[in-house]
PDB file of N, CA and C in Angstrom:
ATOM      1  N   UNK A   1     -19.866   0.529  43.499  1.00  0.00           N
ATOM      2  CA  UNK A   1     -19.273   1.434  42.530  1.00  0.00           C
ATOM      3  C   UNK A   1     -17.944   1.912  42.193  1.00  0.00           C
ATOM      4  N   UNK A   2     -17.430   1.688  43.311  1.00  0.00           N
ATOM      5  CA  UNK A   2     -15.958   1.948  43.403  1.00  0.00           C
ATOM      6  C   UNK A   2     -14.955   1.022  42.633  1.00  0.00           C
ATOM      7  N   UNK A   3     -15.288  -0.445  42.662  1.00  0.00           N
ATOM      8  CA  UNK A   3     -14.542  -1.354  41.774  1.00  0.00           C
ATOM      9  C   UNK A   3     -14.931  -1.302  40.618  1.00  0.00           C
ATOM     10  N   UNK A   4     -15.654  -0.739  40.014  1.00  0.00           N
ATOM     11  CA  UNK A   4     -16.112  -0.464  38.445  1.00  0.00           C
ATOM     12  C   UNK A   4     -15.337   0.763  37.931  1.00  0.00           C
ATOM     13  N   UNK A   5     -14.912   1.710  38.906  1.00  0.00           N
ATOM     14  CA  UNK A   5     -14.590   3.244  38.523  1.00  0.00           C
ATOM     15  C   UNK A   5     -13.438   2.958  37.785  1.00  0.00           C
ATOM     16  N   UNK A   6     -12.372   2.097  38.355  1.00  0.00           N
ATOM     17  CA  UNK A   6     -11.287   1.712  37.300  1.00  0.00           C
ATOM     18  C   UNK A   6     -11.491   1.493  36.322  1.00  0.00           C
ATOM     19  N   UNK A   7     -12.618   0.699  35.836  1.00  0.00           N
ATOM     20  CA  UNK A   7     -12.295  -0.114  34.712  1.00  0.00           C
ATOM     21  C   UNK A   7     -13.490   0.874  34.019  1.00  0.00           C
ATOM     22  N   UNK A   8     -14.000   1.300  34.346  1.00  0.00           N
ATOM     23  CA  UNK A   8     -14.885   2.673  33.548  1.00  0.00           C
ATOM     24  C   UNK A   8     -13.776   3.644  32.769  1.00  0.00           C
ATOM     25  N   UNK A   9     -13.044   4.010  33.443  1.00  0.00           N
ATOM     26  CA  UNK A   9     -12.254   5.221  32.735  1.00  0.00           C
ATOM     27  C   UNK A   9     -11.295   4.428  31.747  1.00  0.00           C
ATOM     28  N   UNK A  10     -10.810   3.128  32.194  1.00  0.00           N
ATOM     29  CA  UNK A  10     -10.371   2.871  31.004  1.00  0.00           C
ATOM     30  C   UNK A  10     -10.942   2.058  29.832  1.00  0.00           C
ATOM     31  N   UNK A  11     -11.744   1.593  29.844  1.00  0.00           N
ATOM     32  CA  UNK A  11     -13.028   1.421  29.069  1.00  0.00           C
ATOM     33  C   UNK A  11     -13.189   2.709  28.260  1.00  0.00           C
ATOM     34  N   UNK A  12     -13.759   3.728  28.459  1.00  0.00           N
ATOM     35  CA  UNK A  12     -13.713   5.198  27.768  1.00  0.00           C
ATOM     36  C   UNK A  12     -12.392   5.550  27.075  1.00  0.00           C
ATOM     37  N   UNK A  13     -11.550   5.356  27.411  1.00  0.00           N
ATOM     38  CA  UNK A  13     -10.146   5.689  26.878  1.00  0.00           C
ATOM     39  C   UNK A  13      -9.810   4.740  25.882  1.00  0.00           C
ATOM     40  N   UNK A  14     -10.187   3.455  26.140  1.00  0.00           N
ATOM     41  CA  UNK A  14     -10.105   2.465  24.892  1.00  0.00           C
ATOM     42  C   UNK A  14     -10.965   3.107  23.517  1.00  0.00           C
ATOM     43  N   UNK A  15     -12.286   3.385  24.291  1.00  0.00           N
ATOM     44  CA  UNK A  15     -13.038   3.534  22.970  1.00  0.00           C
ATOM     45  C   UNK A  15     -12.635   4.769  22.557  1.00  0.00           C
ATOM     46  N   UNK A  16     -12.519   5.635  23.006  1.00  0.00           N
ATOM     47  CA  UNK A  16     -12.046   7.035  22.518  1.00  0.00           C
ATOM     48  C   UNK A  16     -10.859   6.658  21.503  1.00  0.00           C
ATOM     49  N   UNK A  17      -9.819   5.836  21.696  1.00  0.00           N
ATOM     50  CA  UNK A  17      -8.832   5.302  21.188  1.00  0.00           C
ATOM     51  C   UNK A  17      -9.313   5.034  19.526  1.00  0.00           C
ATOM     52  N   UNK A  18     -10.208   4.228  20.062  1.00  0.00           N
ATOM     53  CA  UNK A  18     -10.506   3.249  18.771  1.00  0.00           C
ATOM     54  C   UNK A  18     -11.386   4.293  18.171  1.00  0.00           C
ATOM     55  N   UNK A  19     -12.317   5.188  18.310  1.00  0.00           N
ATOM     56  CA  UNK A  19     -12.636   6.261  17.625  1.00  0.00           C
ATOM     57  C   UNK A  19     -11.989   7.052  16.769  1.00  0.00           C
ATOM     58  N   UNK A  20     -10.733   7.371  17.721  1.00  0.00           N
ATOM     59  CA  UNK A  20      -9.796   8.440  16.948  1.00  0.00           C
ATOM     60  C   UNK A  20      -8.648   7.427  15.700  1.00  0.00           C
ATOM     61  N   UNK A  21      -8.574   6.728  15.860  1.00  0.00           N
ATOM     62  CA  UNK A  21      -7.890   5.813  14.888  1.00  0.00           C
ATOM     63  C   UNK A  21      -9.017   5.703  13.718  1.00  0.00           C
ATOM     64  N   UNK A  22     -10.039   5.118  14.066  1.00  0.00           N
ATOM     65  CA  UNK A  22     -11.052   4.930  12.963  1.00  0.00           C
ATOM     66  C   UNK A  22     -11.204   6.182  12.123  1.00  0.00           C
ATOM     67  N   UNK A  23     -11.694   7.522  12.811  1.00  0.00           N
ATOM     68  CA  UNK A  23     -11.632   8.448  11.794  1.00  0.00           C
ATOM     69  C   UNK A  23     -10.837   9.179  11.267  1.00  0.00           C
ATOM     70  N   UNK A  24      -9.490   8.724  11.974  1.00  0.00           N
ATOM     71  CA  UNK A  24      -8.247   9.462  10.862  1.00  0.00           C
ATOM     72  C   UNK A  24      -8.021   8.822  10.055  1.00  0.00           C
ATOM     73  N   UNK A  25      -8.513   7.160  10.267  1.00  0.00           N
ATOM     74  CA  UNK A  25      -7.923   6.683   8.499  1.00  0.00           C
ATOM     75  C   UNK A  25      -9.206   6.566   7.793  1.00  0.00           C
ATOM     76  N   UNK A  26     -10.444   7.041   8.288  1.00  0.00           N
ATOM     77  CA  UNK A  26     -11.547   7.223   7.077  1.00  0.00           C
ATOM     78  C   UNK A  26     -11.270   8.994   6.528  1.00  0.00           C
ATOM     79  N   UNK A  27     -10.266   9.785   7.379  1.00  0.00           N
ATOM     80  CA  UNK A  27      -9.708  11.147   7.120  1.00  0.00           C
ATOM     81  C   UNK A  27      -8.862  11.051   6.009  1.00  0.00           C
ATOM     82  N   UNK A  28      -8.178   9.866   5.931  1.00  0.00           N
ATOM     83  CA  UNK A  28      -6.829   9.562   4.847  1.00  0.00           C
ATOM     84  C   UNK A  28      -7.118   9.660   3.536  1.00  0.00           C
ATOM     85  N   UNK A  29      -8.271   8.819   3.464  1.00  0.00           N
ATOM     86  CA  UNK A  29      -9.060   8.950   1.767  1.00  0.00           C
ATOM     87  C   UNK A  29      -9.139  10.454   1.618  1.00  0.00           C
ATOM     88  N   UNK A  30     -10.150  10.868   2.045  1.00  0.00           N
ATOM     89  CA  UNK A  30     -10.750  12.363   1.896  1.00  0.00           C
ATOM     90  C   UNK A  30      -9.351  13.411   1.735  1.00  0.00           C
ATOM     91  N   UNK A  31      -8.460  13.155   2.534  1.00  0.00           N
ATOM     92  CA  UNK A  31      -7.146  14.178   2.239  1.00  0.00           C
ATOM     93  C   UNK A  31      -6.775  13.534   0.843  1.00  0.00           C
ATOM     94  N   UNK A  32      -5.899  12.334   0.438  1.00  0.00           N
ATOM     95  CA  UNK A  32      -5.556  11.932  -0.907  1.00  0.00           C
ATOM     96  C   UNK A  32      -6.719  12.574  -1.901  1.00  0.00           C
ATOM     97  N   UNK A  33      -7.882  12.618  -1.386  1.00  0.00           N
ATOM     98  CA  UNK A  33      -9.097  12.914  -2.663  1.00  0.00           C
ATOM     99  C   UNK A  33      -8.620  14.713  -3.000  1.00  0.00           C
ATOM    100  N   UNK A  34      -8.390  15.110  -1.621  1.00  0.00           N
ATOM    101  CA  UNK A  34      -8.435  16.642  -1.841  1.00  0.00           C
ATOM    102  C   UNK A  34      -7.298  17.313  -2.277  1.00  0.00           C
ATOM    103  N   UNK A  35      -6.192  16.526  -1.694  1.00  0.00           N
ATOM    104  CA  UNK A  35      -4.804  16.756  -2.704  1.00  0.00           C
ATOM    105  C   UNK A  35      -4.632  16.468  -3.857  1.00  0.00           C
ATOM    106  N   UNK A  36      -5.528  15.442  -4.381  1.00  0.00           N
ATOM    107  CA  UNK A  36      -5.377  15.130  -5.715  1.00  0.00           C
ATOM    108  C   UNK A  36      -6.544  16.088  -6.526  1.00  0.00           C
ATOM    109  N   UNK A  37      -7.020  16.986  -5.990  1.00  0.00           N
ATOM    110  CA  UNK A  37      -7.769  18.077  -7.284  1.00  0.00           C
ATOM    111  C   UNK A  37      -6.969  19.317  -7.336  1.00  0.00           C
ATOM    112  N   UNK A  38      -7.105  19.456  -8.827  1.00  0.00           N
ATOM    113  CA  UNK A  38      -6.284  20.390  -8.766  1.00  0.00           C
ATOM    114  C   UNK A  38      -6.892  22.165  -8.965  1.00  0.00           C
ATOM    115  N   UNK A  39      -8.288  22.322  -8.838  1.00  0.00           N
ATOM    116  CA  UNK A  39      -8.650  23.665  -8.363  1.00  0.00           C
ATOM    117  C   UNK A  39      -9.024  23.952  -6.967  1.00  0.00           C
ATOM    118  N   UNK A  40      -8.615  22.857  -6.269  1.00  0.00           N
ATOM    119  CA  UNK A  40      -9.286  23.272  -4.630  1.00  0.00           C
ATOM    120  C   UNK A  40      -8.262  24.478  -4.278  1.00  0.00           C
ATOM    121  N   UNK A  41      -8.800  25.195  -3.275  1.00  0.00           N
ATOM    122  CA  UNK A  41      -8.192  26.241  -2.922  1.00  0.00           C
ATOM    123  C   UNK A  41      -7.004  25.674  -1.324  1.00  0.00           C
ATOM    124  N   UNK A  42      -5.932  26.357  -1.717  1.00  0.00           N
ATOM    125  CA  UNK A  42      -4.790  25.970  -0.686  1.00  0.00           C
ATOM    126  C   UNK A  42      -5.063  25.972   0.914  1.00  0.00           C
ATOM    127  N   UNK A  43      -5.654  27.143   1.079  1.00  0.00           N
ATOM    128  CA  UNK A  43      -6.491  26.993   2.266  1.00  0.00           C
ATOM    129  C   UNK A  43      -7.155  25.980   2.886  1.00  0.00           C
ATOM    130  N   UNK A  44      -8.303  25.377   1.727  1.00  0.00           N
ATOM    131  CA  UNK A  44      -8.739  24.154   1.814  1.00  0.00           C
ATOM    132  C   UNK A  44      -8.337  22.877   2.485  1.00  0.00           C
ATOM    133  N   UNK A  45      -6.835  22.994   1.622  1.00  0.00           N
ATOM    134  CA  UNK A  45      -5.950  21.930   1.844  1.00  0.00           C
ATOM    135  C   UNK A  45      -5.398  21.835   3.338  1.00  0.00           C
ATOM    136  N   UNK A  46      -4.978  23.145   3.915  1.00  0.00           N
ATOM    137  CA  UNK A  46      -4.337  23.314   4.893  1.00  0.00           C
ATOM    138  C   UNK A  46      -4.862  23.217   6.183  1.00  0.00           C
ATOM    139  N   UNK A  47      -6.835  23.368   6.100  1.00  0.00           N
ATOM    140  CA  UNK A  47      -7.528  22.711   6.821  1.00  0.00           C
ATOM    141  C   UNK A  47      -7.682  21.326   7.217  1.00  0.00           C
ATOM    142  N   UNK A  48      -7.818  20.949   5.876  1.00  0.00           N
ATOM    143  CA  UNK A  48      -7.769  19.195   5.903  1.00  0.00           C
ATOM    144  C   UNK A  48      -6.624  18.623   6.849  1.00  0.00           C
ATOM    145  N   UNK A  49      -5.318  18.883   6.114  1.00  0.00           N
ATOM    146  CA  UNK A  49      -4.144  18.405   7.150  1.00  0.00           C
ATOM    147  C   UNK A  49      -4.141  18.727   8.448  1.00  0.00           C
ATOM    148  N   UNK A  50      -4.274  19.816   8.740  1.00  0.00           N
ATOM    149  CA  UNK A  50      -4.583  20.345  10.379  1.00  0.00           C
ATOM    150  C   UNK A  50      -5.290  19.243  10.873  1.00  0.00           C
ATOM    151  N   UNK A  51      -6.722  19.669  10.361  1.00  0.00           N
ATOM    152  CA  UNK A  51      -7.446  18.690  11.026  1.00  0.00           C
ATOM    153  C   UNK A  51      -7.357  17.000  11.374  1.00  0.00           C
ATOM    154  N   UNK A  52      -6.296  16.388  10.581  1.00  0.00           N
ATOM    155  CA  UNK A  52      -5.756  15.279  10.168  1.00  0.00           C
ATOM    156  C   UNK A  52      -4.875  14.926  11.458  1.00  0.00           C
ATOM    157  N   UNK A  53      -3.760  16.208  11.420  1.00  0.00           N
ATOM    158  CA  UNK A  53      -2.795  15.928  12.615  1.00  0.00           C
ATOM    159  C   UNK A  53      -3.247  16.545  13.782  1.00  0.00           C
ATOM    160  N   UNK A  54      -4.757  16.767  13.932  1.00  0.00           N
ATOM    161  CA  UNK A  54      -5.474  17.487  15.464  1.00  0.00           C
ATOM    162  C   UNK A  54      -5.974  15.687  15.855  1.00  0.00           C
ATOM    163  N   UNK A  55      -6.501  15.280  14.633  1.00  0.00           N
ATOM    164  CA  UNK A  55      -7.100  13.879  15.462  1.00  0.00           C
ATOM    165  C   UNK A  55      -5.790  12.634  15.812  1.00  0.00           C
ATOM    166  N   UNK A  56      -4.682  12.679  15.124  1.00  0.00           N
ATOM    167  CA  UNK A  56      -3.452  11.941  15.448  1.00  0.00           C
ATOM    168  C   UNK A  56      -3.171  12.611  16.988  1.00  0.00           C
ATOM    169  N   UNK A  57      -2.819  13.649  17.148  1.00  0.00           N
ATOM    170  CA  UNK A  57      -2.532  14.130  18.292  1.00  0.00           C
ATOM    171  C   UNK A  57      -3.692  13.596  19.347  1.00  0.00           C
ATOM    172  N   UNK A  58      -4.885  13.603  19.306  1.00  0.00           N
ATOM    173  CA  UNK A  58      -6.107  12.974  19.845  1.00  0.00           C
ATOM    174  C   UNK A  58      -5.837  11.463  20.226  1.00  0.00           C
ATOM    175  N   UNK A  59      -5.441  10.785  19.410  1.00  0.00           N
ATOM    176  CA  UNK A  59      -5.061   9.457  19.324  1.00  0.00           C
ATOM    177  C   UNK A  59      -3.936   9.492  20.244  1.00  0.00           C
ATOM    178  N   UNK A  60      -2.671  10.238  20.087  1.00  0.00           N
ATOM    179  CA  UNK A  60      -1.573   9.895  20.871  1.00  0.00           C
ATOM    180  C   UNK A  60      -1.946  10.169  22.418  1.00  0.00           C
ATOM    181  N   UNK A  61      -3.063  11.100  22.701  1.00  0.00           N
ATOM    182  CA  UNK A  61      -3.220  11.422  23.754  1.00  0.00           C
ATOM    183  C   UNK A  61      -4.052  10.497  24.949  1.00  0.00           C
ATOM    184  N   UNK A  62      -4.913   9.728  23.516  1.00  0.00           N
ATOM    185  CA  UNK A  62      -5.519   8.673  24.238  1.00  0.00           C
ATOM    186  C   UNK A  62      -4.972   7.429  24.865  1.00  0.00           C
ATOM    187  N   UNK A  63      -3.843   7.278  24.037  1.00  0.00           N
ATOM    188  CA  UNK A  63      -3.099   5.937  23.850  1.00  0.00           C
ATOM    189  C   UNK A  63      -2.282   6.266  25.303  1.00  0.00           C
ATOM    190  N   UNK A  64      -1.928   7.861  25.726  1.00  0.00           N
ATOM    191  CA  UNK A  64      -0.871   8.130  26.848  1.00  0.00           C
ATOM    192  C   UNK A  64      -1.673   7.753  27.772  1.00  0.00           C
ATOM    193  N   UNK A  65      -3.252   8.420  28.129  1.00  0.00           N
ATOM    194  CA  UNK A  65      -3.818   8.475  29.373  1.00  0.00           C
ATOM    195  C   UNK A  65      -4.162   7.073  29.153  1.00  0.00           C
ATOM    196  N   UNK A  66      -4.401   5.889  28.348  1.00  0.00           N
ATOM    197  CA  UNK A  66      -4.501   4.773  28.883  1.00  0.00           C
ATOM    198  C   UNK A  66      -3.615   3.499  29.501  1.00  0.00           C
ATOM    199  N   UNK A  67      -2.329   4.198  29.186  1.00  0.00           N
ATOM    200  CA  UNK A  67      -1.168   3.760  29.862  1.00  0.00           C
ATOM    201  C   UNK A  67      -1.132   4.166  31.242  1.00  0.00           C
ATOM    202  N   UNK A  68      -1.318   5.658  31.405  1.00  0.00           N
ATOM    203  CA  UNK A  68      -1.318   5.532  32.541  1.00  0.00           C
ATOM    204  C   UNK A  68      -2.504   5.332  33.842  1.00  0.00           C
ATOM    205  N   UNK A  69      -3.602   5.497  32.957  1.00  0.00           N
ATOM    206  CA  UNK A  69      -4.895   4.662  33.789  1.00  0.00           C
ATOM    207  C   UNK A  69      -4.390   2.840  34.082  1.00  0.00           C
ATOM    208  N   UNK A  70      -3.567   2.250  33.349  1.00  0.00           N
ATOM    209  CA  UNK A  70      -2.938   0.786  33.367  1.00  0.00           C
ATOM    210  C   UNK A  70      -1.998   0.520  34.625  1.00  0.00           C
ATOM    211  N   UNK A  71      -1.195   1.843  34.198  1.00  0.00           N
ATOM    212  CA  UNK A  71      -0.146   1.547  35.308  1.00  0.00           C
ATOM    213  C   UNK A  71      -0.754   1.841  36.878  1.00  0.00           C
ATOM    214  N   UNK A  72      -1.594   2.850  36.948  1.00  0.00           N
ATOM    215  CA  UNK A  72      -2.500   3.170  37.971  1.00  0.00           C
ATOM    216  C   UNK A  72      -3.194   2.415  38.765  1.00  0.00           C
ATOM    217  N   UNK A  73      -4.230   1.864  37.755  1.00  0.00           N
ATOM    218  CA  UNK A  73      -4.999   0.657  38.728  1.00  0.00           C
ATOM    219  C   UNK A  73      -4.806  -0.947  38.249  1.00  0.00           C
ATOM    220  N   UNK A  74      -3.991  -1.146  37.624  1.00  0.00           N
ATOM    221  CA  UNK A  74      -3.888  -2.650  37.339  1.00  0.00           C
ATOM    222  C   UNK A  74      -2.592  -3.140  37.634  1.00  0.00           C
ATOM    223  N   UNK A  75      -1.461  -2.409  37.721  1.00  0.00           N
ATOM    224  CA  UNK A  75       0.163  -2.643  38.696  1.00  0.00           C
ATOM    225  C   UNK A  75       0.010  -2.741  39.729  1.00  0.00           C
ATOM    226  N   UNK A  76      -0.209  -3.825  40.713  1.00  0.00           N
ATOM    227  CA  UNK A  76      -0.192  -3.322  42.052  1.00  0.00           C
ATOM    228  C   UNK A  76       1.361  -2.841  42.849  1.00  0.00           C
ATOM    229  N   UNK A  77       1.140  -1.551  43.316  1.00  0.00           N
ATOM    230  CA  UNK A  77       2.077  -1.088  44.321  1.00  0.00           C
ATOM    231  C   UNK A  77       3.324  -2.118  44.766  1.00  0.00           C
ATOM    232  N   UNK A  78       4.615  -1.857  45.355  1.00  0.00           N
ATOM    233  CA  UNK A  78       5.204  -2.769  46.108  1.00  0.00           C
ATOM    234  C   UNK A  78       4.925  -1.838  47.291  1.00  0.00           C
ATOM    235  N   UNK A  79       4.952  -2.828  48.326  1.00  0.00           N
ATOM    236  CA  UNK A  79       4.777  -2.275  49.838  1.00  0.00           C
ATOM    237  C   UNK A  79       6.361  -2.376  50.472  1.00  0.00           C
ATOM    238  N   UNK A  80       6.278  -1.792  51.396  1.00  0.00           N
ATOM    239  CA  UNK A  80       7.314  -1.770  52.003  1.00  0.00           C
ATOM    240  C   UNK A  80       7.195  -2.503  53.252  1.00  0.00           C
ATOM    241  N   UNK A  81       8.480  -3.755  53.107  1.00  0.00           N
ATOM    242  CA  UNK A  81       8.215  -4.316  54.681  1.00  0.00           C
ATOM    243  C   UNK A  81       8.966  -3.467  55.723  1.00  0.00           C
ATOM    244  N   UNK A  82       8.215  -3.829  56.869  1.00  0.00           N
ATOM    245  CA  UNK A  82       8.791  -3.069  57.655  1.00  0.00           C
ATOM    246  C   UNK A  82       9.428  -3.945  59.026  1.00  0.00           C
ATOM    247  N   UNK A  83      10.637  -4.175  59.118  1.00  0.00           N
ATOM    248  CA  UNK A  83      10.922  -5.361  59.834  1.00  0.00           C
ATOM    249  C   UNK A  83      11.323  -4.521  61.407  1.00  0.00           C
TER     250      UNK A  83
END
């Protein structure tokens, strides 16, 4: 199980990243639709915009965690040579 633990975290991070990007692009069409309506309350527009920003923050955090995980698990450490 130890050999798969470093791959499981990376897999879930990539999965979260893909889902975040997918849903953020799906919300982009909804945001344009709501901004195009003239009779929509301003509070509702603000909620949609803040929700879209929150999705992008989650996507950026997922990329950051993915980079940290790859650096930690897949890049070998330089061993010091003792003479």
